[in-house]
Amino acid sequence: MSEATLEQKVISIIDQIRPYLQEDGGNIEFVELTPENIVRVRLQGACGTCPHAKMTLKNGVEQTLKTYLPEIERVEDVVLGF
């Protein structure tokens, strides 16, 4: 069996984070992994309108991804623009 690509690893980790966001009425959608290793996502539901969305994105999603995949540069929300 071949090793998972970086994109597959990112998607797998996002899938593991998703239930925590869903508990609060939110969700997250993987959009793309850029050649510069920037992960673009779309926060949805309650997360899309939450005043703490930036904190969730940086301290939750980005930190988790970088812990397991240090080659990730950052995570951006394509709707919120950060």
C-alpha atoms as a PDB file:
ATOM      1  CA  MET A   1       0.000   0.000   0.000  1.00  0.00           C
ATOM      2  CA  SER A   2       1.376   3.418  -0.935  1.00  0.00           C
ATOM      3  CA  GLU A   3       1.962   6.166   1.574  1.00  0.00           C
ATOM      4  CA  ALA A   4      -0.807   8.754   1.885  1.00  0.00           C
ATOM      5  CA  THR A   5      -0.214  12.071   0.163  1.00  0.00           C
ATOM      6  CA  LEU A   6       0.034  15.244   2.215  1.00  0.00           C
ATOM      7  CA  GLU A   7      -3.437  16.259   1.005  1.00  0.00           C
ATOM      8  CA  GLN A   8      -4.895  12.922   2.115  1.00  0.00           C
ATOM      9  CA  LYS A   9      -3.276  13.361   5.534  1.00  0.00           C
ATOM     10  CA  VAL A  10      -4.702  16.885   5.846  1.00  0.00           C
ATOM     11  CA  ILE A  11      -8.194  15.647   4.943  1.00  0.00           C
ATOM     12  CA  SER A  12      -7.912  12.809   7.451  1.00  0.00           C
ATOM     13  CA  ILE A  13      -7.008  15.200  10.277  1.00  0.00           C
ATOM     14  CA  ILE A  14      -9.798  17.607   9.315  1.00  0.00           C
ATOM     15  CA  ASP A  15     -12.204  14.659   9.388  1.00  0.00           C
ATOM     16  CA  GLN A  16     -11.068  13.982  12.964  1.00  0.00           C
ATOM     17  CA  ILE A  17     -11.558  17.649  13.982  1.00  0.00           C
ATOM     18  CA  ARG A  18     -15.010  17.900  12.366  1.00  0.00           C
ATOM     19  CA  PRO A  19     -17.031  16.208  15.180  1.00  0.00           C
ATOM     20  CA  TYR A  20     -15.794  18.800  17.681  1.00  0.00           C
ATOM     21  CA  LEU A  21     -17.029  21.618  15.467  1.00  0.00           C
ATOM     22  CA  GLN A  22     -20.306  19.815  14.819  1.00  0.00           C
ATOM     23  CA  GLU A  23     -20.961  19.614  18.583  1.00  0.00           C
ATOM     24  CA  ASP A  24     -21.282  23.424  18.519  1.00  0.00           C
ATOM     25  CA  GLY A  25     -23.381  23.533  15.348  1.00  0.00           C
ATOM     26  CA  GLY A  26     -20.485  24.169  12.984  1.00  0.00           C
ATOM     27  CA  ASN A  27     -18.583  22.308  10.345  1.00  0.00           C
ATOM     28  CA  ILE A  28     -15.443  22.542   8.236  1.00  0.00           C
ATOM     29  CA  GLU A  29     -14.904  21.797   4.564  1.00  0.00           C
ATOM     30  CA  PHE A  30     -11.496  21.135   3.019  1.00  0.00           C
ATOM     31  CA  VAL A  31     -11.083  23.315  -0.087  1.00  0.00           C
ATOM     32  CA  GLU A  32      -7.472  22.856  -1.199  1.00  0.00           C
ATOM     33  CA  LEU A  33      -3.843  22.391  -0.310  1.00  0.00           C
ATOM     34  CA  THR A  34      -1.735  24.914  -2.220  1.00  0.00           C
ATOM     35  CA  PRO A  35       1.757  24.192  -3.588  1.00  0.00           C
ATOM     36  CA  GLU A  36       3.039  26.418  -0.741  1.00  0.00           C
ATOM     37  CA  ASN A  37       1.454  24.004   1.812  1.00  0.00           C
ATOM     38  CA  ILE A  38      -1.298  26.430   2.775  1.00  0.00           C
ATOM     39  CA  VAL A  39      -4.495  24.626   3.711  1.00  0.00           C
ATOM     40  CA  ARG A  40      -7.656  26.399   2.601  1.00  0.00           C
ATOM     41  CA  VAL A  41     -10.883  25.483   4.349  1.00  0.00           C
ATOM     42  CA  ARG A  42     -14.414  26.831   4.620  1.00  0.00           C
ATOM     43  CA  LEU A  43     -15.940  27.121   8.082  1.00  0.00           C
ATOM     44  CA  GLN A  44     -19.663  26.421   7.931  1.00  0.00           C
ATOM     45  CA  GLY A  45     -22.764  26.584  10.079  1.00  0.00           C
ATOM     46  CA  ALA A  46     -22.268  28.244  13.453  1.00  0.00           C
ATOM     47  CA  CYS A  47     -18.509  28.373  12.808  1.00  0.00           C
ATOM     48  CA  GLY A  48     -19.057  30.547   9.756  1.00  0.00           C
ATOM     49  CA  THR A  49     -20.676  33.311  11.794  1.00  0.00           C
ATOM     50  CA  CYS A  50     -19.021  32.793  15.184  1.00  0.00           C
ATOM     51  CA  PRO A  51     -16.998  35.721  16.545  1.00  0.00           C
ATOM     52  CA  HIS A  52     -14.423  33.163  17.728  1.00  0.00           C
ATOM     53  CA  ALA A  53     -13.983  31.611  14.275  1.00  0.00           C
ATOM     54  CA  LYS A  54     -10.492  33.042  13.796  1.00  0.00           C
ATOM     55  CA  MET A  55      -9.391  31.641  17.154  1.00  0.00           C
ATOM     56  CA  THR A  56     -10.902  28.242  16.300  1.00  0.00           C
ATOM     57  CA  LEU A  57      -9.134  28.274  12.953  1.00  0.00           C
ATOM     58  CA  LYS A  58      -5.710  29.282  14.297  1.00  0.00           C
ATOM     59  CA  ASN A  59      -5.637  27.674  17.758  1.00  0.00           C
ATOM     60  CA  GLY A  60      -7.662  24.614  16.864  1.00  0.00           C
ATOM     61  CA  VAL A  61      -7.453  23.593  13.237  1.00  0.00           C
ATOM     62  CA  GLU A  62      -4.105  25.122  12.283  1.00  0.00           C
ATOM     63  CA  GLN A  63      -2.332  24.079  15.483  1.00  0.00           C
ATOM     64  CA  THR A  64      -3.601  20.508  15.180  1.00  0.00           C
ATOM     65  CA  LEU A  65      -2.551  20.224  11.550  1.00  0.00           C
ATOM     66  CA  LYS A  66       0.906  21.681  12.248  1.00  0.00           C
ATOM     67  CA  THR A  67       1.404  19.344  15.203  1.00  0.00           C
ATOM     68  CA  TYR A  68       0.946  16.273  13.010  1.00  0.00           C
ATOM     69  CA  LEU A  69       2.120  17.773   9.715  1.00  0.00           C
ATOM     70  CA  PRO A  70       4.862  20.355  10.430  1.00  0.00           C
ATOM     71  CA  GLU A  71       5.259  21.063   6.724  1.00  0.00           C
ATOM     72  CA  ILE A  72       1.920  22.920   6.734  1.00  0.00           C
ATOM     73  CA  GLU A  73       2.563  26.669   6.604  1.00  0.00           C
ATOM     74  CA  ARG A  74      -0.846  27.919   7.705  1.00  0.00           C
ATOM     75  CA  VAL A  75      -4.602  27.425   7.449  1.00  0.00           C
ATOM     76  CA  GLU A  76      -6.893  29.981   5.800  1.00  0.00           C
ATOM     77  CA  ASP A  77     -10.658  30.269   5.712  1.00  0.00           C
ATOM     78  CA  VAL A  78     -11.630  31.068   2.127  1.00  0.00           C
ATOM     79  CA  VAL A  79     -14.852  32.786   3.233  1.00  0.00           C
ATOM     80  CA  LEU A  80     -13.454  34.893   6.082  1.00  0.00           C
ATOM     81  CA  GLY A  81     -10.217  35.630   4.271  1.00  0.00           C
ATOM     82  CA  PHE A  82      -7.708  34.730   6.989  1.00  0.00           C
END
